[in-house]
Amino acid sequence: MMESKPLAERMRPASLDEYIGQEHLVGSSAVLRKAIESGVLPSIILWGPPGVGKTTLAHIISQTLKRPFYSLSAINSGVKDIREVIEKAREQSLFNTSKPILFIDEIHRFSKSQQDSLLGAVEKGDITLIGATTENPSFEVISALLSRCQVYVLKHLDKEHLQKLLVHALETDKELSRKKVTLEETEALIRLSGGDARKLLNVLELVIHSAPEGEVVITNEFVLNQVQQNMALYDKAGEQHYDIISAFIKSMRGSDPNAAVYWLARMLEGGEDPTFIARRMIILASEDIGNANPTALVMATTCFQAVSVIGMPEGRIILSQAAIYLASSPKSNASYMAISDAQETVQKTGSLPVPLALRNAPTKLMKDLNYGADYKYAHSYENNFTDLEFLPENISGMKLYDPGQNAREREIREFLKKRWGEKYQY
């Protein structure tokens, strides 16, 4: 009879010696292993991609140190939950000399007020905090809390780690070891996992249990066929994550608000981080709309700020409004093309000298060398403009910004043509 727990949970290691990967942190003589074995562990933040062992490592630390363990998920915990757990930890520490560990999964999803509520207990040493995050803690964790924690970076699991995990599961799991399984090819399993150990084991289990009774020969073709028939509509840690965010962005770029909202709903129903979606909309607002509608960047940035403050489920309304606005906006990639062409020019031409007229002259020597001598202050001239040369001599007249064919940028083109005449061929 099949066990109730999924394979990824059944295979969760119980000690550092069973733990696969992150040798730079928990290998022999590694820094975090030494701290764990010494029993002197500060509050820490574990930063790394999904499925690389952050939660598992927190459990192993607790078991190794024989400390009380409390766990909260930032997705469904509020300030009240945090305070209740901290109070329980304080009460328990009165009867136990071991400092309790509070593990918070996805700590980057906590608001500022939620993170503030942790500060006192961490500072006083009532708890040892272990936070797990897939986002850069420098941006997502408040500085007061971050300064009281040691940050450890976990890396993607490589092919060797993942293959080791597959073999270990087939040999040691009670359910799978009873089956006759030949692991002939692993490329498809590893590619579908995206370096996520949890997903790798879930796909392996799905593939084996989808196969007919008898011997199971795992090949790339067999894996792909089974996964296409059985995988969920959206997996925020795997290939679907990238496919659907791509469809979302391309729908807005293609001015289809209906498709944009559909793909937005797919991501939200799949549990995608709403701030990830909002950040991608900020990029689109500049890359694909730009000066065709400068307000788009303001709208997208405000959406990110609002979603970060409001959270879910209400944040979905803000995301929907912004996605529809961006999809329905005139489009231009002229700013994106301008910086791409400018960088390519710099790579080809190297460090061209700054024209003398544009250089600062803070010293007498610089003034004697004519630094800034021929500079013309634009505001001293009619229409606040003077036709000074602002580019290095070697690339004088090079047009890097070519305004798009939309109402707003046609105005910009006319403005520049009136100022520069034929110089830039506007």
Protein backbone atom coordinates (compact mmCIF):
# COMPACT_ATOMS: atom_id res chain seq x y z
CA MET A 1 0.00 0.00 0.00
CA MET A 2 1.31 3.44 -0.97
CA GLU A 3 2.40 5.67 1.93
CA SER A 4 0.42 8.86 2.52
CA LYS A 5 3.42 11.15 2.51
CA PRO A 6 4.92 12.20 -0.86
CA LEU A 7 8.36 10.86 -1.77
CA ALA A 8 10.07 14.23 -1.21
CA GLU A 9 8.84 14.21 2.38
CA ARG A 10 9.75 10.58 2.96
CA MET A 11 13.30 11.23 1.71
CA ARG A 12 13.91 14.28 3.90
CA PRO A 13 17.33 13.68 5.56
CA ALA A 14 17.55 13.63 9.35
CA SER A 15 21.24 14.52 9.75
CA LEU A 16 24.00 16.52 8.11
CA ASP A 17 25.68 13.32 6.95
CA GLU A 18 22.55 12.40 4.93
CA TYR A 19 22.18 15.91 3.52
CA ILE A 20 23.00 16.23 -0.20
CA GLY A 21 24.54 19.43 -1.57
CA GLN A 22 25.65 22.74 -0.01
CA GLU A 23 29.11 21.39 0.79
CA HIS A 24 30.40 24.97 1.09
CA LEU A 25 28.14 25.37 4.15
CA VAL A 26 27.76 21.94 5.75
CA GLY A 27 30.59 19.86 4.32
CA SER A 28 33.48 18.73 6.50
CA SER A 29 35.00 21.80 8.23
CA ALA A 30 32.53 24.18 6.50
CA VAL A 31 31.50 27.33 8.36
CA LEU A 32 27.85 26.51 9.14
CA ARG A 33 28.64 22.92 10.10
CA LYS A 34 31.22 24.17 12.60
CA ALA A 35 28.68 26.58 14.11
CA ILE A 36 26.08 23.79 14.41
CA GLU A 37 28.52 21.31 15.94
CA SER A 38 29.79 23.92 18.42
CA GLY A 39 26.23 24.56 19.58
CA VAL A 40 26.78 28.32 19.24
CA LEU A 41 24.39 29.28 16.47
CA PRO A 42 23.30 32.88 15.77
CA SER A 43 20.01 33.77 14.12
CA ILE A 44 20.41 33.05 10.43
CA ILE A 45 18.81 33.66 7.04
CA LEU A 46 19.05 30.84 4.49
CA TRP A 47 18.88 32.37 1.01
CA GLY A 48 18.60 30.16 -2.05
CA PRO A 49 16.38 28.91 -4.89
CA PRO A 50 13.43 26.56 -4.26
CA GLY A 51 14.10 22.91 -3.43
CA VAL A 52 17.75 23.14 -2.40
CA GLY A 53 17.24 22.16 1.25
CA LYS A 54 16.51 25.32 3.28
CA THR A 55 13.63 23.84 5.29
CA THR A 56 15.41 20.50 5.66
CA LEU A 57 18.53 22.21 6.97
CA ALA A 58 16.49 24.10 9.57
CA HIS A 59 15.00 20.81 10.84
CA ILE A 60 18.42 19.15 10.94
CA ILE A 61 19.85 22.07 12.92
CA SER A 62 17.05 21.77 15.47
CA GLN A 63 17.48 18.00 15.81
CA THR A 64 21.27 18.22 16.02
CA LEU A 65 21.14 20.88 18.72
CA LYS A 66 18.19 19.15 20.46
CA ARG A 67 16.29 22.42 20.65
CA PRO A 68 12.51 23.07 20.68
CA PHE A 69 11.38 23.85 17.13
CA TYR A 70 8.60 26.21 16.08
CA SER A 71 7.63 26.85 12.49
CA LEU A 72 5.63 29.55 10.73
CA SER A 73 4.91 30.19 7.05
CA ALA A 74 4.93 33.80 5.96
CA ILE A 75 2.11 33.02 3.52
CA ASN A 76 -0.54 32.46 6.19
CA SER A 77 0.87 33.93 9.43
CA GLY A 78 0.22 37.38 10.85
CA VAL A 79 1.69 39.46 13.68
CA LYS A 80 -0.70 37.75 16.15
CA ASP A 81 0.64 34.30 15.16
CA ILE A 82 4.23 35.48 15.56
CA ARG A 83 3.59 36.90 19.03
CA GLU A 84 1.82 33.71 20.15
CA VAL A 85 4.72 31.52 19.02
CA ILE A 86 7.29 33.81 20.65
CA GLU A 87 5.32 33.73 23.92
CA LYS A 88 5.20 29.90 23.81
CA ALA A 89 8.94 29.83 23.15
CA ARG A 90 9.59 32.12 26.13
CA GLU A 91 7.44 29.98 28.40
CA GLN A 92 9.20 26.82 27.30
CA SER A 93 12.65 28.37 27.77
CA LEU A 94 11.79 28.89 31.46
CA PHE A 95 11.78 25.09 31.87
CA ASN A 96 14.42 24.28 29.28
CA THR A 97 17.98 25.62 29.03
CA SER A 98 18.00 25.17 25.23
CA LYS A 99 17.05 28.28 23.30
CA PRO A 100 14.03 27.53 21.02
CA ILE A 101 14.39 27.79 17.25
CA LEU A 102 11.74 29.68 15.27
CA PHE A 103 11.77 28.77 11.59
CA ILE A 104 9.98 31.12 9.19
CA ASP A 105 9.55 29.90 5.64
CA GLU A 106 9.43 32.55 2.88
CA ILE A 107 10.33 35.30 5.33
CA HIS A 108 10.57 37.75 2.40
CA ARG A 109 6.76 37.70 2.25
CA PHE A 110 6.48 39.20 5.74
CA SER A 111 5.55 42.89 5.80
CA LYS A 112 7.68 45.41 7.70
CA SER A 113 5.34 45.28 10.72
CA GLN A 114 5.52 41.47 10.80
CA GLN A 115 9.32 41.53 10.64
CA ASP A 116 9.39 44.26 13.32
CA SER A 117 7.48 41.94 15.64
CA LEU A 118 10.42 39.50 15.55
CA LEU A 119 13.06 42.04 16.51
CA GLY A 120 12.64 42.06 20.29
CA ALA A 121 12.76 38.27 20.69
CA VAL A 122 15.80 37.97 18.40
CA GLU A 123 17.64 40.82 20.08
CA LYS A 124 17.01 39.51 23.61
CA GLY A 125 17.92 35.97 22.63
CA ASP A 126 14.50 34.52 23.48
CA ILE A 127 14.64 32.61 20.19
CA THR A 128 17.13 31.70 17.49
CA LEU A 129 15.53 32.75 14.22
CA ILE A 130 16.05 30.73 11.05
CA GLY A 131 14.48 32.46 8.07
CA ALA A 132 14.28 30.92 4.60
CA THR A 133 13.96 33.04 1.48
CA THR A 134 14.23 32.73 -2.29
CA GLU A 135 14.63 36.51 -2.61
CA ASN A 136 17.66 38.69 -1.92
CA PRO A 137 17.39 39.45 1.82
CA SER A 138 19.14 42.80 1.29
CA PHE A 139 15.95 44.00 -0.40
CA GLU A 140 13.28 41.90 1.31
CA VAL A 141 14.34 41.77 4.98
CA ILE A 142 14.34 44.97 7.07
CA SER A 143 17.83 46.22 7.92
CA ALA A 144 17.28 46.04 11.70
CA LEU A 145 16.47 42.32 11.50
CA LEU A 146 19.08 41.59 8.83
CA SER A 147 21.83 43.14 10.96
CA ARG A 148 21.01 40.64 13.73
CA CYS A 149 21.23 37.61 11.43
CA GLN A 150 23.99 35.79 9.61
CA VAL A 151 23.08 35.22 5.94
CA TYR A 152 24.05 31.90 4.33
CA VAL A 153 23.63 31.46 0.56
CA LEU A 154 22.50 28.05 -0.69
CA LYS A 155 23.36 27.11 -4.27
CA HIS A 156 21.46 25.30 -7.02
CA LEU A 157 21.93 21.55 -6.84
CA ASP A 158 24.09 20.36 -9.73
CA LYS A 159 23.56 17.30 -11.95
CA GLU A 160 25.74 15.10 -9.73
CA HIS A 161 23.71 15.98 -6.62
CA LEU A 162 20.41 15.29 -8.38
CA GLN A 163 21.55 11.95 -9.80
CA LYS A 164 22.76 10.94 -6.34
CA LEU A 165 19.35 11.85 -4.94
CA LEU A 166 17.56 9.73 -7.57
CA VAL A 167 19.68 6.65 -6.86
CA HIS A 168 19.35 7.14 -3.10
CA ALA A 169 15.54 7.33 -3.38
CA LEU A 170 15.27 4.20 -5.51
CA GLU A 171 17.53 2.23 -3.18
CA THR A 172 16.30 3.35 0.24
CA ASP A 173 12.66 4.45 0.02
CA LYS A 174 10.39 1.67 1.34
CA GLU A 175 7.78 2.18 -1.37
CA LEU A 176 10.08 2.51 -4.40
CA SER A 177 12.64 -0.09 -3.35
CA ARG A 178 9.91 -2.78 -3.64
CA LYS A 179 9.50 -1.97 -7.33
CA LYS A 180 11.79 -3.07 -10.14
CA VAL A 181 13.04 0.22 -11.58
CA THR A 182 15.87 0.70 -14.07
CA LEU A 183 17.19 4.24 -14.25
CA GLU A 184 18.39 4.21 -17.86
CA GLU A 185 18.35 7.98 -18.56
CA THR A 186 18.14 10.94 -16.17
CA GLU A 187 18.38 14.05 -18.40
CA ALA A 188 14.60 14.62 -18.65
CA LEU A 189 14.06 14.18 -14.90
CA ILE A 190 16.86 16.62 -14.10
CA ARG A 191 15.74 19.19 -16.67
CA LEU A 192 12.16 19.09 -15.42
CA SER A 193 13.33 19.52 -11.83
CA GLY A 194 15.07 22.82 -12.58
CA GLY A 195 17.57 21.99 -9.82
CA ASP A 196 14.75 21.59 -7.29
CA ALA A 197 15.22 18.39 -5.26
CA ARG A 198 11.63 18.35 -4.06
CA LYS A 199 10.28 18.60 -7.60
CA LEU A 200 12.76 15.99 -8.85
CA LEU A 201 11.49 13.43 -6.33
CA ASN A 202 7.85 14.31 -7.00
CA VAL A 203 8.33 13.84 -10.76
CA LEU A 204 10.16 10.55 -10.16
CA GLU A 205 7.30 9.28 -8.01
CA LEU A 206 4.69 10.43 -10.53
CA VAL A 207 6.51 8.68 -13.39
CA ILE A 208 6.93 5.39 -11.52
CA HIS A 209 3.34 5.23 -10.29
CA SER A 210 2.03 6.15 -13.76
CA ALA A 211 3.85 3.19 -15.33
CA PRO A 212 2.18 -0.20 -15.92
CA GLU A 213 2.76 -2.94 -13.36
CA GLY A 214 6.05 -4.78 -13.71
CA GLU A 215 9.50 -3.49 -14.50
CA VAL A 216 9.78 0.29 -15.02
CA VAL A 217 12.52 1.47 -17.37
CA ILE A 218 13.03 5.21 -16.98
CA THR A 219 14.06 6.87 -20.25
CA ASN A 220 13.85 10.51 -21.29
CA GLU A 221 10.98 9.78 -23.69
CA PHE A 222 9.02 7.84 -21.09
CA VAL A 223 9.44 10.62 -18.50
CA LEU A 224 8.31 13.37 -20.88
CA ASN A 225 5.26 11.40 -22.00
CA GLN A 226 4.15 10.69 -18.44
CA VAL A 227 4.76 14.23 -17.23
CA GLN A 228 2.82 15.82 -20.10
CA GLN A 229 -0.17 13.65 -19.21
CA ASN A 230 -0.03 14.16 -15.45
CA MET A 231 1.73 17.38 -14.43
CA ALA A 232 -0.20 20.24 -12.86
CA LEU A 233 -1.13 23.30 -14.91
CA TYR A 234 1.40 25.52 -13.17
CA ASP A 235 4.52 24.90 -11.15
CA LYS A 236 6.04 28.08 -9.78
CA ALA A 237 9.43 26.42 -9.36
CA GLY A 238 9.74 24.74 -12.76
CA GLU A 239 9.54 25.24 -16.51
CA GLN A 240 5.86 26.26 -16.44
CA HIS A 241 6.91 29.19 -14.24
CA TYR A 242 9.04 30.59 -17.05
CA ASP A 243 6.61 29.67 -19.84
CA ILE A 244 3.64 31.37 -18.22
CA ILE A 245 5.44 34.55 -17.14
CA SER A 246 6.70 34.69 -20.75
CA ALA A 247 3.12 34.36 -22.06
CA PHE A 248 2.00 37.07 -19.61
CA ILE A 249 4.69 39.53 -20.71
CA LYS A 250 4.16 38.82 -24.41
CA SER A 251 0.39 39.29 -24.04
CA MET A 252 0.91 42.78 -22.56
CA ARG A 253 3.56 43.59 -25.18
CA GLY A 254 1.08 42.44 -27.83
CA SER A 255 -1.65 44.74 -26.41
CA ASP A 256 -4.04 41.90 -25.44
CA PRO A 257 -5.49 42.67 -21.97
CA ASN A 258 -7.70 39.57 -22.08
CA ALA A 259 -4.78 37.18 -22.48
CA ALA A 260 -2.72 39.17 -19.95
CA VAL A 261 -5.40 38.77 -17.26
CA TYR A 262 -5.80 35.07 -18.06
CA TRP A 263 -2.07 34.35 -17.62
CA LEU A 264 -2.07 36.54 -14.50
CA ALA A 265 -4.86 34.37 -13.06
CA ARG A 266 -2.92 31.19 -13.92
CA MET A 267 0.07 32.47 -11.95
CA LEU A 268 -1.98 33.62 -8.97
CA GLU A 269 -3.94 30.35 -8.80
CA GLY A 270 -0.62 28.50 -8.91
CA GLY A 271 0.66 30.40 -5.87
CA GLU A 272 3.15 32.67 -7.67
CA ASP A 273 4.71 35.45 -5.59
CA PRO A 274 2.70 38.59 -6.53
CA THR A 275 5.75 40.84 -6.10
CA PHE A 276 7.61 38.76 -8.72
CA ILE A 277 4.77 39.48 -11.16
CA ALA A 278 4.79 43.19 -10.27
CA ARG A 279 8.56 43.46 -10.76
CA ARG A 280 8.25 41.98 -14.26
CA MET A 281 5.58 44.57 -15.09
CA ILE A 282 7.97 47.37 -14.08
CA ILE A 283 10.51 46.03 -16.58
CA LEU A 284 7.88 45.79 -19.33
CA ALA A 285 6.66 49.33 -18.65
CA SER A 286 10.10 50.69 -19.54
CA GLU A 287 11.25 48.12 -22.12
CA ASP A 288 8.06 47.83 -24.18
CA ILE A 289 6.14 51.07 -23.51
CA GLY A 290 8.80 53.60 -22.58
CA ASN A 291 8.18 57.17 -23.72
CA ALA A 292 5.12 56.18 -25.75
CA ASN A 293 3.44 56.53 -22.34
CA PRO A 294 5.84 57.55 -19.54
CA THR A 295 3.03 57.12 -16.99
CA ALA A 296 3.21 53.35 -17.53
CA LEU A 297 6.44 53.14 -15.50
CA VAL A 298 4.83 55.17 -12.70
CA MET A 299 1.78 52.89 -12.78
CA ALA A 300 3.84 49.69 -12.68
CA THR A 301 6.09 50.95 -9.87
CA THR A 302 3.05 52.04 -7.84
CA CYS A 303 1.52 48.58 -8.46
CA PHE A 304 4.62 46.91 -6.97
CA GLN A 305 4.56 49.19 -3.92
CA ALA A 306 0.82 48.69 -3.39
CA VAL A 307 0.97 44.90 -3.72
CA SER A 308 3.91 44.81 -1.29
CA VAL A 309 1.86 46.73 1.29
CA ILE A 310 -1.58 45.16 0.71
CA GLY A 311 -0.58 41.56 0.05
CA MET A 312 -2.98 38.88 -1.14
CA PRO A 313 -5.80 38.23 -1.90
CA GLU A 314 -6.66 41.93 -2.50
CA GLY A 315 -3.37 42.47 -4.33
CA ARG A 316 -4.80 40.54 -7.29
CA ILE A 317 -7.09 43.50 -8.09
CA ILE A 318 -4.13 45.90 -8.21
CA LEU A 319 -2.17 43.49 -10.41
CA SER A 320 -5.15 43.13 -12.74
CA GLN A 321 -5.59 46.90 -13.06
CA ALA A 322 -1.90 47.41 -13.85
CA ALA A 323 -1.74 44.51 -16.32
CA ILE A 324 -4.79 45.81 -18.22
CA TYR A 325 -3.36 49.35 -18.25
CA LEU A 326 -0.01 48.18 -19.60
CA ALA A 327 -1.59 45.90 -22.21
CA SER A 328 -3.85 48.73 -23.39
CA SER A 329 -1.06 51.31 -23.57
CA PRO A 330 0.74 52.45 -26.78
CA LYS A 331 4.05 50.63 -27.18
CA SER A 332 7.65 51.62 -27.89
CA ASN A 333 10.94 49.81 -27.34
CA ALA A 334 12.98 52.86 -28.40
CA SER A 335 14.53 53.40 -24.95
CA TYR A 336 15.50 49.73 -24.73
CA MET A 337 17.06 49.83 -28.21
CA ALA A 338 18.84 53.09 -27.40
CA ILE A 339 20.70 51.72 -24.37
CA SER A 340 21.46 48.44 -26.18
CA ASP A 341 22.96 50.34 -29.13
CA ALA A 342 24.83 52.69 -26.80
CA GLN A 343 26.41 49.79 -24.89
CA GLU A 344 27.37 48.09 -28.15
CA THR A 345 28.99 51.36 -29.29
CA VAL A 346 30.96 51.62 -26.05
CA GLN A 347 32.17 48.02 -26.43
CA LYS A 348 33.32 48.72 -30.00
CA THR A 349 34.86 52.18 -29.49
CA GLY A 350 36.28 51.85 -25.96
CA SER A 351 36.85 54.80 -23.63
CA LEU A 352 36.55 57.79 -25.95
CA PRO A 353 37.67 61.10 -24.36
CA VAL A 354 35.07 63.45 -22.91
CA PRO A 355 34.98 66.71 -24.96
CA LEU A 356 36.94 69.46 -23.20
CA ALA A 357 33.90 71.72 -23.01
CA LEU A 358 32.03 69.13 -20.91
CA ARG A 359 34.79 68.50 -18.38
CA ASN A 360 34.79 69.94 -14.85
CA ALA A 361 37.62 72.30 -14.00
CA PRO A 362 37.98 72.35 -10.19
CA THR A 363 41.75 73.14 -10.28
CA LYS A 364 43.85 75.89 -11.93
CA LEU A 365 45.75 73.28 -13.95
CA MET A 366 42.52 71.98 -15.42
CA LYS A 367 41.43 75.50 -16.32
CA ASP A 368 44.81 76.12 -17.96
CA LEU A 369 44.21 72.98 -20.03
CA ASN A 370 40.90 74.51 -21.22
CA TYR A 371 38.70 72.11 -19.28
CA GLY A 372 35.16 73.53 -19.55
CA ALA A 373 36.37 76.61 -21.45
CA ASP A 374 33.87 76.42 -24.34
CA TYR A 375 30.91 75.10 -22.37
CA LYS A 376 27.63 76.87 -23.16
CA TYR A 377 25.02 76.93 -20.39
CA ALA A 378 21.77 75.92 -22.14
CA HIS A 379 19.56 78.14 -19.99
CA SER A 380 21.41 81.24 -21.15
CA TYR A 381 20.15 80.74 -24.71
CA GLU A 382 16.81 81.00 -26.49
CA ASN A 383 14.52 78.01 -25.88
CA ASN A 384 17.05 76.79 -23.28
CA PHE A 385 19.11 75.23 -26.04
CA THR A 386 22.52 75.58 -27.68
CA ASP A 387 23.98 73.27 -30.33
CA LEU A 388 27.02 72.23 -28.34
CA GLU A 389 28.78 68.94 -29.17
CA PHE A 390 27.96 66.49 -26.39
CA LEU A 391 29.36 63.27 -27.90
CA PRO A 392 33.02 62.31 -28.30
CA GLU A 393 34.41 63.54 -31.62
CA ASN A 394 34.77 60.01 -33.09
CA ILE A 395 31.03 59.34 -32.88
CA SER A 396 29.68 62.85 -33.43
CA GLY A 397 26.22 62.76 -34.96
CA MET A 398 25.51 59.12 -34.02
CA LYS A 399 21.77 58.64 -33.42
CA LEU A 400 21.19 56.14 -30.59
CA TYR A 401 17.63 57.12 -29.67
CA ASP A 402 15.15 56.72 -32.52
CA PRO A 403 11.67 57.74 -31.28
CA GLY A 404 8.87 55.28 -32.00
CA GLN A 405 5.87 55.81 -34.26
CA ASN A 406 3.34 56.79 -31.61
CA ALA A 407 1.74 60.11 -30.69
CA ARG A 408 3.97 60.90 -27.71
CA GLU A 409 7.25 60.01 -29.42
CA ARG A 410 6.28 61.78 -32.65
CA GLU A 411 6.16 64.92 -30.50
CA ILE A 412 9.61 64.05 -29.13
CA ARG A 413 10.92 63.52 -32.68
CA GLU A 414 9.63 66.95 -33.76
CA PHE A 415 11.15 68.58 -30.67
CA LEU A 416 14.56 67.05 -31.39
CA LYS A 417 14.39 67.88 -35.10
CA LYS A 418 13.70 71.53 -34.36
CA ARG A 419 16.66 71.66 -31.98
CA TRP A 420 19.25 69.62 -33.89
CA GLY A 421 18.19 70.13 -37.50
CA GLU A 422 19.88 67.51 -39.71
CA LYS A 423 22.62 66.52 -37.26
CA TYR A 424 20.88 63.40 -35.94
CA GLN A 425 18.56 62.89 -38.95
CA TYR A 426 15.38 63.21 -36.95
